[in-house]
Amino acid sequence: MASFTLTPETWERVRIKFLRKYRDLTQADLSFTSGQEDQLVQKLMTLVKRDQKYIEFTIRKALADPNGNRL
């Protein structure tokens, strides 16, 4: 189970940060439906070739400073 909860608004900010960091990702790669955080983590693990801890840490970090530019 994911250690965070996303809303469409918070995901938009996180998505922008992921697109900046991983330039080979597309808008379609980062589609998200509320309540499907676990599926999002699994998809991101495959896309960026990282483990679950890294993906969840990165998302939590982005959520901690939603107006910041860093991921």
PDB file of N, CA and C in Angstrom:
ATOM      1  N   MET A   1       0.838  -1.185   0.000  1.00  0.00           N
ATOM      2  CA  MET A   1       0.000   0.000   0.000  1.00  0.00           C
ATOM      3  C   MET A   1       0.879   1.243   0.000  1.00  0.00           C
ATOM      4  N   ALA A   2       0.524   2.193  -0.823  1.00  0.00           N
ATOM      5  CA  ALA A   2       1.294   3.432  -0.950  1.00  0.00           C
ATOM      6  C   ALA A   2       1.256   4.218   0.358  1.00  0.00           C
ATOM      7  N   SER A   3       2.359   4.890   0.648  1.00  0.00           N
ATOM      8  CA  SER A   3       2.465   5.641   1.904  1.00  0.00           C
ATOM      9  C   SER A   3       2.091   7.116   1.721  1.00  0.00           C
ATOM     10  N   PHE A   4       1.250   7.393   0.745  1.00  0.00           N
ATOM     11  CA  PHE A   4       0.813   8.756   0.472  1.00  0.00           C
ATOM     12  C   PHE A   4      -0.552   8.699  -0.190  1.00  0.00           C
ATOM     13  N   THR A   5      -1.230   9.835  -0.217  1.00  0.00           N
ATOM     14  CA  THR A   5      -2.512   9.964  -0.896  1.00  0.00           C
ATOM     15  C   THR A   5      -2.423  11.165  -1.828  1.00  0.00           C
ATOM     16  N   LEU A   6      -2.897  10.967  -3.037  1.00  0.00           N
ATOM     17  CA  LEU A   6      -2.849  12.045  -4.030  1.00  0.00           C
ATOM     18  C   LEU A   6      -4.248  12.488  -4.416  1.00  0.00           C
ATOM     19  N   THR A   7      -4.370  13.772  -4.661  1.00  0.00           N
ATOM     20  CA  THR A   7      -5.583  14.325  -5.251  1.00  0.00           C
ATOM     21  C   THR A   7      -5.206  14.728  -6.677  1.00  0.00           C
ATOM     22  N   PRO A   8      -6.168  14.983  -7.528  1.00  0.00           N
ATOM     23  CA  PRO A   8      -5.810  15.440  -8.883  1.00  0.00           C
ATOM     24  C   PRO A   8      -4.937  16.696  -8.875  1.00  0.00           C
ATOM     25  N   GLU A   9      -5.168  17.597  -7.932  1.00  0.00           N
ATOM     26  CA  GLU A   9      -4.387  18.828  -7.858  1.00  0.00           C
ATOM     27  C   GLU A   9      -2.951  18.556  -7.425  1.00  0.00           C
ATOM     28  N   THR A  10      -2.780  17.730  -6.382  1.00  0.00           N
ATOM     29  CA  THR A  10      -1.418  17.444  -5.933  1.00  0.00           C
ATOM     30  C   THR A  10      -0.672  16.597  -6.957  1.00  0.00           C
ATOM     31  N   TRP A  11      -1.371  15.688  -7.618  1.00  0.00           N
ATOM     32  CA  TRP A  11      -0.702  14.880  -8.630  1.00  0.00           C
ATOM     33  C   TRP A  11      -0.222  15.752  -9.788  1.00  0.00           C
ATOM     34  N   GLU A  12      -0.956  16.777 -10.129  1.00  0.00           N
ATOM     35  CA  GLU A  12      -0.553  17.664 -11.221  1.00  0.00           C
ATOM     36  C   GLU A  12       0.820  18.268 -10.926  1.00  0.00           C
ATOM     37  N   ARG A  13       1.041  18.732  -9.693  1.00  0.00           N
ATOM     38  CA  ARG A  13       2.333  19.315  -9.314  1.00  0.00           C
ATOM     39  C   ARG A  13       3.435  18.253  -9.349  1.00  0.00           C
ATOM     40  N   VAL A  14       3.145  17.077  -8.810  1.00  0.00           N
ATOM     41  CA  VAL A  14       4.133  15.987  -8.796  1.00  0.00           C
ATOM     42  C   VAL A  14       4.430  15.540 -10.227  1.00  0.00           C
ATOM     43  N   ARG A  15       3.414  15.453 -11.044  1.00  0.00           N
ATOM     44  CA  ARG A  15       3.575  15.023 -12.440  1.00  0.00           C
ATOM     45  C   ARG A  15       4.510  15.967 -13.189  1.00  0.00           C
ATOM     46  N   ILE A  16       4.331  17.249 -12.990  1.00  0.00           N
ATOM     47  CA  ILE A  16       5.195  18.240 -13.637  1.00  0.00           C
ATOM     48  C   ILE A  16       6.652  18.030 -13.217  1.00  0.00           C
ATOM     49  N   LYS A  17       6.866  17.763 -11.939  1.00  0.00           N
ATOM     50  CA  LYS A  17       8.221  17.535 -11.449  1.00  0.00           C
ATOM     51  C   LYS A  17       8.819  16.262 -12.047  1.00  0.00           C
ATOM     52  N   PHE A  18       8.015  15.207 -12.174  1.00  0.00           N
ATOM     53  CA  PHE A  18       8.501  13.972 -12.801  1.00  0.00           C
ATOM     54  C   PHE A  18       8.847  14.218 -14.267  1.00  0.00           C
ATOM     55  N   LEU A  19       8.022  14.988 -14.968  1.00  0.00           N
ATOM     56  CA  LEU A  19       8.308  15.277 -16.371  1.00  0.00           C
ATOM     57  C   LEU A  19       9.604  16.070 -16.524  1.00  0.00           C
ATOM     58  N   ARG A  20       9.900  16.935 -15.589  1.00  0.00           N
ATOM     59  CA  ARG A  20      11.144  17.706 -15.643  1.00  0.00           C
ATOM     60  C   ARG A  20      12.352  16.820 -15.370  1.00  0.00           C
ATOM     61  N   LYS A  21      12.215  15.920 -14.398  1.00  0.00           N
ATOM     62  CA  LYS A  21      13.345  15.072 -14.018  1.00  0.00           C
ATOM     63  C   LYS A  21      13.581  13.955 -15.021  1.00  0.00           C
ATOM     64  N   TYR A  22      12.513  13.333 -15.485  1.00  0.00           N
ATOM     65  CA  TYR A  22      12.623  12.208 -16.417  1.00  0.00           C
ATOM     66  C   TYR A  22      12.051  12.654 -17.755  1.00  0.00           C
ATOM     67  N   ARG A  23      12.877  13.262 -18.563  1.00  0.00           N
ATOM     68  CA  ARG A  23      12.438  13.887 -19.814  1.00  0.00           C
ATOM     69  C   ARG A  23      11.934  12.902 -20.856  1.00  0.00           C
ATOM     70  N   ASP A  24      12.234  11.616 -20.692  1.00  0.00           N
ATOM     71  CA  ASP A  24      11.768  10.642 -21.669  1.00  0.00           C
ATOM     72  C   ASP A  24      10.337  10.177 -21.382  1.00  0.00           C
ATOM     73  N   LEU A  25       9.758  10.588 -20.243  1.00  0.00           N
ATOM     74  CA  LEU A  25       8.371  10.239 -19.932  1.00  0.00           C
ATOM     75  C   LEU A  25       7.428  11.153 -20.701  1.00  0.00           C
ATOM     76  N   THR A  26       6.237  10.643 -20.968  1.00  0.00           N
ATOM     77  CA  THR A  26       5.228  11.438 -21.665  1.00  0.00           C
ATOM     78  C   THR A  26       4.057  11.718 -20.731  1.00  0.00           C
ATOM     79  N   GLN A  27       3.185  12.609 -21.155  1.00  0.00           N
ATOM     80  CA  GLN A  27       1.968  12.908 -20.385  1.00  0.00           C
ATOM     81  C   GLN A  27       1.155  11.627 -20.189  1.00  0.00           C
ATOM     82  N   ALA A  28       1.064  10.811 -21.228  1.00  0.00           N
ATOM     83  CA  ALA A  28       0.286   9.566 -21.153  1.00  0.00           C
ATOM     84  C   ALA A  28       0.899   8.584 -20.154  1.00  0.00           C
ATOM     85  N   ASP A  29       2.234   8.562 -20.072  1.00  0.00           N
ATOM     86  CA  ASP A  29       2.902   7.676 -19.110  1.00  0.00           C
ATOM     87  C   ASP A  29       2.497   8.012 -17.685  1.00  0.00           C
ATOM     88  N   LEU A  30       2.215   9.274 -17.441  1.00  0.00           N
ATOM     89  CA  LEU A  30       1.956   9.740 -16.088  1.00  0.00           C
ATOM     90  C   LEU A  30       0.477   9.987 -15.807  1.00  0.00           C
ATOM     91  N   SER A  31      -0.375   9.258 -16.479  1.00  0.00           N
ATOM     92  CA  SER A  31      -1.808   9.386 -16.189  1.00  0.00           C
ATOM     93  C   SER A  31      -2.088   8.770 -14.826  1.00  0.00           C
ATOM     94  N   PHE A  32      -3.061   9.335 -14.117  1.00  0.00           N
ATOM     95  CA  PHE A  32      -3.362   8.886 -12.749  1.00  0.00           C
ATOM     96  C   PHE A  32      -4.842   9.050 -12.472  1.00  0.00           C
ATOM     97  N   THR A  33      -5.416   8.067 -11.792  1.00  0.00           N
ATOM     98  CA  THR A  33      -6.802   8.115 -11.339  1.00  0.00           C
ATOM     99  C   THR A  33      -6.795   8.100  -9.817  1.00  0.00           C
ATOM    100  N   SER A  34      -7.564   8.986  -9.201  1.00  0.00           N
ATOM    101  CA  SER A  34      -7.617   9.058  -7.739  1.00  0.00           C
ATOM    102  C   SER A  34      -7.918   7.693  -7.137  1.00  0.00           C
ATOM    103  N   GLY A  35      -7.204   7.386  -6.054  1.00  0.00           N
ATOM    104  CA  GLY A  35      -7.407   6.124  -5.355  1.00  0.00           C
ATOM    105  C   GLY A  35      -6.563   4.981  -5.901  1.00  0.00           C
ATOM    106  N   GLN A  36      -5.783   5.237  -6.943  1.00  0.00           N
ATOM    107  CA  GLN A  36      -4.965   4.181  -7.533  1.00  0.00           C
ATOM    108  C   GLN A  36      -3.472   4.477  -7.360  1.00  0.00           C
ATOM    109  N   GLU A  37      -3.112   4.900  -6.158  1.00  0.00           N
ATOM    110  CA  GLU A  37      -1.725   5.235  -5.875  1.00  0.00           C
ATOM    111  C   GLU A  37      -0.802   4.025  -6.051  1.00  0.00           C
ATOM    112  N   ASP A  38      -1.259   2.835  -5.629  1.00  0.00           N
ATOM    113  CA  ASP A  38      -0.432   1.632  -5.754  1.00  0.00           C
ATOM    114  C   ASP A  38      -0.111   1.315  -7.208  1.00  0.00           C
ATOM    115  N   GLN A  39      -1.098   1.443  -8.081  1.00  0.00           N
ATOM    116  CA  GLN A  39      -0.869   1.197  -9.506  1.00  0.00           C
ATOM    117  C   GLN A  39       0.088   2.233 -10.088  1.00  0.00           C
ATOM    118  N   LEU A  40      -0.025   3.472  -9.621  1.00  0.00           N
ATOM    119  CA  LEU A  40       0.873   4.528 -10.080  1.00  0.00           C
ATOM    120  C   LEU A  40       2.315   4.199  -9.692  1.00  0.00           C
ATOM    121  N   VAL A  41       2.516   3.782  -8.455  1.00  0.00           N
ATOM    122  CA  VAL A  41       3.859   3.430  -7.994  1.00  0.00           C
ATOM    123  C   VAL A  41       4.427   2.300  -8.843  1.00  0.00           C
ATOM    124  N   GLN A  42       3.622   1.267  -9.103  1.00  0.00           N
ATOM    125  CA  GLN A  42       4.084   0.142  -9.921  1.00  0.00           C
ATOM    126  C   GLN A  42       4.475   0.605 -11.325  1.00  0.00           C
ATOM    127  N   LYS A  43       3.661   1.466 -11.903  1.00  0.00           N
ATOM    128  CA  LYS A  43       3.942   1.955 -13.248  1.00  0.00           C
ATOM    129  C   LYS A  43       5.228   2.781 -13.260  1.00  0.00           C
ATOM    130  N   LEU A  44       5.397   3.663 -12.268  1.00  0.00           N
ATOM    131  CA  LEU A  44       6.598   4.491 -12.204  1.00  0.00           C
ATOM    132  C   LEU A  44       7.843   3.654 -11.958  1.00  0.00           C
ATOM    133  N   MET A  45       7.727   2.593 -11.165  1.00  0.00           N
ATOM    134  CA  MET A  45       8.860   1.703 -10.929  1.00  0.00           C
ATOM    135  C   MET A  45       9.370   1.135 -12.250  1.00  0.00           C
ATOM    136  N   THR A  46       8.456   0.745 -13.107  1.00  0.00           N
ATOM    137  CA  THR A  46       8.819   0.193 -14.405  1.00  0.00           C
ATOM    138  C   THR A  46       9.395   1.270 -15.321  1.00  0.00           C
ATOM    139  N   LEU A  47       8.770   2.420 -15.360  1.00  0.00           N
ATOM    140  CA  LEU A  47       9.186   3.482 -16.279  1.00  0.00           C
ATOM    141  C   LEU A  47      10.566   4.065 -15.958  1.00  0.00           C
ATOM    142  N   VAL A  48      10.857   4.268 -14.675  1.00  0.00           N
ATOM    143  CA  VAL A  48      12.130   4.890 -14.306  1.00  0.00           C
ATOM    144  C   VAL A  48      13.141   3.877 -13.780  1.00  0.00           C
ATOM    145  N   LYS A  49      12.747   2.606 -13.755  1.00  0.00           N
ATOM    146  CA  LYS A  49      13.643   1.511 -13.360  1.00  0.00           C
ATOM    147  C   LYS A  49      14.233   1.726 -11.960  1.00  0.00           C
ATOM    148  N   ARG A  50      13.352   2.021 -11.024  1.00  0.00           N
ATOM    149  CA  ARG A  50      13.731   2.215  -9.624  1.00  0.00           C
ATOM    150  C   ARG A  50      12.827   1.362  -8.746  1.00  0.00           C
ATOM    151  N   ASP A  51      13.215   1.180  -7.470  1.00  0.00           N
ATOM    152  CA  ASP A  51      12.414   0.365  -6.567  1.00  0.00           C
ATOM    153  C   ASP A  51      11.296   1.186  -5.921  1.00  0.00           C
ATOM    154  N   GLN A  52      10.423   0.486  -5.220  1.00  0.00           N
ATOM    155  CA  GLN A  52       9.242   1.114  -4.625  1.00  0.00           C
ATOM    156  C   GLN A  52       9.630   2.174  -3.602  1.00  0.00           C
ATOM    157  N   LYS A  53      10.639   1.907  -2.783  1.00  0.00           N
ATOM    158  CA  LYS A  53      11.054   2.883  -1.776  1.00  0.00           C
ATOM    159  C   LYS A  53      11.463   4.207  -2.423  1.00  0.00           C
ATOM    160  N   TYR A  54      12.206   4.128  -3.510  1.00  0.00           N
ATOM    161  CA  TYR A  54      12.659   5.336  -4.192  1.00  0.00           C
ATOM    162  C   TYR A  54      11.476   6.121  -4.753  1.00  0.00           C
ATOM    163  N   ILE A  55      10.549   5.437  -5.403  1.00  0.00           N
ATOM    164  CA  ILE A  55       9.389   6.113  -6.008  1.00  0.00           C
ATOM    165  C   ILE A  55       8.552   6.793  -4.922  1.00  0.00           C
ATOM    166  N   GLU A  56       8.264   6.071  -3.845  1.00  0.00           N
ATOM    167  CA  GLU A  56       7.448   6.653  -2.772  1.00  0.00           C
ATOM    168  C   GLU A  56       8.177   7.816  -2.105  1.00  0.00           C
ATOM    169  N   PHE A  57       9.479   7.680  -1.881  1.00  0.00           N
ATOM    170  CA  PHE A  57      10.257   8.772  -1.299  1.00  0.00           C
ATOM    171  C   PHE A  57      10.201  10.003  -2.195  1.00  0.00           C
ATOM    172  N   THR A  58      10.356   9.797  -3.488  1.00  0.00           N
ATOM    173  CA  THR A  58      10.360  10.906  -4.443  1.00  0.00           C
ATOM    174  C   THR A  58       9.006  11.611  -4.469  1.00  0.00           C
ATOM    175  N   ILE A  59       7.930  10.855  -4.442  1.00  0.00           N
ATOM    176  CA  ILE A  59       6.592  11.461  -4.439  1.00  0.00           C
ATOM    177  C   ILE A  59       6.343  12.203  -3.140  1.00  0.00           C
ATOM    178  N   ARG A  60       6.708  11.605  -2.007  1.00  0.00           N
ATOM    179  CA  ARG A  60       6.528  12.295  -0.722  1.00  0.00           C
ATOM    180  C   ARG A  60       7.351  13.577  -0.667  1.00  0.00           C
ATOM    181  N   LYS A  61       8.554  13.536  -1.206  1.00  0.00           N
ATOM    182  CA  LYS A  61       9.415  14.727  -1.250  1.00  0.00           C
ATOM    183  C   LYS A  61       8.762  15.829  -2.087  1.00  0.00           C
ATOM    184  N   ALA A  62       8.193  15.450  -3.222  1.00  0.00           N
ATOM    185  CA  ALA A  62       7.513  16.428  -4.072  1.00  0.00           C
ATOM    186  C   ALA A  62       6.280  16.994  -3.375  1.00  0.00           C
ATOM    187  N   LEU A  63       5.578  16.177  -2.623  1.00  0.00           N
ATOM    188  CA  LEU A  63       4.383  16.628  -1.906  1.00  0.00           C
ATOM    189  C   LEU A  63       4.737  17.549  -0.741  1.00  0.00           C
ATOM    190  N   ALA A  64       5.918  17.372  -0.160  1.00  0.00           N
ATOM    191  CA  ALA A  64       6.322  18.192   0.981  1.00  0.00           C
ATOM    192  C   ALA A  64       6.522  19.647   0.579  1.00  0.00           C
ATOM    193  N   ASP A  65       6.927  19.876  -0.670  1.00  0.00           N
ATOM    194  CA  ASP A  65       7.132  21.234  -1.162  1.00  0.00           C
ATOM    195  C   ASP A  65       6.454  21.379  -2.520  1.00  0.00           C
ATOM    196  N   PRO A  66       5.116  21.454  -2.538  1.00  0.00           N
ATOM    197  CA  PRO A  66       4.396  21.458  -3.808  1.00  0.00           C
ATOM    198  C   PRO A  66       4.699  22.666  -4.700  1.00  0.00           C
ATOM    199  N   ASN A  67       5.092  23.775  -4.112  1.00  0.00           N
ATOM    200  CA  ASN A  67       5.375  24.968  -4.915  1.00  0.00           C
ATOM    201  C   ASN A  67       6.836  25.069  -5.325  1.00  0.00           C
ATOM    202  N   GLY A  68       7.666  24.201  -4.753  1.00  0.00           N
ATOM    203  CA  GLY A  68       9.080  24.212  -5.100  1.00  0.00           C
ATOM    204  C   GLY A  68       9.305  23.610  -6.472  1.00  0.00           C
ATOM    205  N   ASN A  69      10.502  23.783  -6.975  1.00  0.00           N
ATOM    206  CA  ASN A  69      10.837  23.322  -8.311  1.00  0.00           C
ATOM    207  C   ASN A  69      11.606  22.018  -8.299  1.00  0.00           C
ATOM    208  N   ARG A  70      12.040  21.569  -7.128  1.00  0.00           N
ATOM    209  CA  ARG A  70      12.897  20.390  -7.034  1.00  0.00           C
ATOM    210  C   ARG A  70      12.094  19.128  -6.810  1.00  0.00           C
ATOM    211  N   LEU A  71      12.677  18.025  -7.281  1.00  0.00           N
ATOM    212  CA  LEU A  71      12.071  16.705  -7.064  1.00  0.00           C
ATOM    213  C   LEU A  71      13.062  15.850  -6.336  1.00  0.00           C
TER     214      LEU A  71
END
